[in-house]
């Protein structure tokens, strides 16, 4: 589990949000790749992965686009053959 510190450029009053993804992770290597990819998105403060449940929970500022995170994961999905979707 990686815990990232918010960037100092974020306004202190920014509302935090959670976004959940269903990701076809099969091992800790997959989980590490997902954390590395999402950790590069400005405004992401925490990423929790669960390989068994195939779930990812991202805590981020409200300025972070769910679509942006999904597109980054979809690029990895195309290369890795793993499924990626926003949780409903």
Protein backbone atom coordinates (compact mmCIF):
# COMPACT_ATOMS: atom_id res chain seq x y z
CA UNK A 1 0.00 0.00 0.00
CA UNK A 2 1.49 3.29 -1.12
CA UNK A 3 0.55 6.52 0.65
CA UNK A 4 1.31 9.67 -1.29
CA UNK A 5 1.51 13.13 0.24
CA UNK A 6 -0.62 15.83 -1.41
CA UNK A 7 1.36 18.29 -3.45
CA UNK A 8 1.84 21.66 -1.75
CA UNK A 9 0.27 23.36 -4.78
CA UNK A 10 -3.14 21.93 -3.86
CA UNK A 11 -5.41 24.38 -2.07
CA UNK A 12 -5.85 23.27 1.55
CA UNK A 13 -9.66 23.50 1.20
CA UNK A 14 -9.84 21.05 -1.69
CA UNK A 15 -12.47 18.36 -1.20
CA UNK A 16 -11.22 14.79 -1.39
CA UNK A 17 -13.08 12.14 -3.36
CA UNK A 18 -12.80 8.38 -3.81
CA UNK A 19 -12.98 6.58 -7.13
CA UNK A 20 -13.21 2.80 -7.39
CA UNK A 21 -12.04 0.71 -10.31
CA UNK A 22 -12.49 -2.98 -11.14
CA UNK A 23 -9.09 -4.09 -12.42
CA UNK A 24 -8.22 -7.63 -13.54
CA UNK A 25 -5.06 -7.80 -11.40
CA UNK A 26 -3.65 -11.29 -10.94
CA UNK A 27 -0.56 -10.58 -8.83
CA UNK A 28 1.31 -7.96 -6.81
CA UNK A 29 3.18 -6.98 -9.99
CA UNK A 30 -0.14 -5.86 -11.47
CA UNK A 31 -0.99 -3.99 -8.27
CA UNK A 32 2.39 -2.24 -8.31
CA UNK A 33 1.92 -1.20 -11.94
CA UNK A 34 -1.52 0.25 -11.15
CA UNK A 35 -0.12 2.17 -8.16
CA UNK A 36 2.78 3.50 -10.23
CA UNK A 37 0.47 4.65 -13.05
CA UNK A 38 -2.11 6.32 -10.83
CA UNK A 39 0.56 7.76 -8.52
CA UNK A 40 1.74 9.97 -11.39
CA UNK A 41 -1.64 11.69 -11.63
CA UNK A 42 -1.46 15.10 -9.95
CA UNK A 43 -3.92 15.28 -7.07
CA UNK A 44 -3.98 11.56 -6.24
CA UNK A 45 -3.21 11.14 -2.53
CA UNK A 46 -3.79 7.43 -1.83
CA UNK A 47 -4.14 4.21 -3.83
CA UNK A 48 -5.38 0.98 -2.28
CA UNK A 49 -5.26 -2.21 -4.30
CA UNK A 50 -6.79 -5.59 -3.51
CA UNK A 51 -5.61 -8.32 -5.89
CA UNK A 52 -8.09 -10.95 -4.57
CA UNK A 53 -11.08 -8.62 -4.96
CA UNK A 54 -9.60 -7.14 -8.15
CA UNK A 55 -10.40 -3.66 -6.85
CA UNK A 56 -8.60 -0.34 -6.68
CA UNK A 57 -9.70 2.60 -4.51
CA UNK A 58 -8.13 5.96 -5.34
CA UNK A 59 -8.38 8.94 -2.99
CA UNK A 60 -7.90 12.21 -4.84
CA UNK A 61 -8.72 15.87 -4.98
CA UNK A 62 -11.99 16.80 -6.64
CA UNK A 63 -10.05 18.36 -9.52
CA UNK A 64 -8.84 14.90 -10.65
CA UNK A 65 -10.85 13.50 -13.55
CA UNK A 66 -12.13 9.93 -13.24
CA UNK A 67 -11.88 9.76 -17.02
CA UNK A 68 -8.17 10.71 -16.95
CA UNK A 69 -7.41 7.95 -14.45
CA UNK A 70 -9.50 5.46 -16.44
CA UNK A 71 -7.69 6.34 -19.69
CA UNK A 72 -4.29 5.82 -18.04
CA UNK A 73 -5.39 2.43 -16.71
CA UNK A 74 -6.84 1.50 -20.11
CA UNK A 75 -3.44 2.08 -21.76
CA UNK A 76 -1.93 -0.38 -19.26
CA UNK A 77 -4.88 -2.70 -19.89
CA UNK A 78 -4.18 -2.80 -23.62
CA UNK A 79 -0.52 -3.65 -23.01
CA UNK A 80 -1.15 -6.17 -20.22
CA UNK A 81 -4.39 -7.76 -21.41
CA UNK A 82 -5.99 -7.09 -18.00
CA UNK A 83 -9.54 -5.72 -17.72
CA UNK A 84 -10.21 -2.22 -16.37
CA UNK A 85 -13.53 -0.51 -15.58
CA UNK A 86 -14.98 2.12 -13.29
CA UNK A 87 -16.88 0.40 -10.46
CA UNK A 88 -20.58 0.97 -10.44
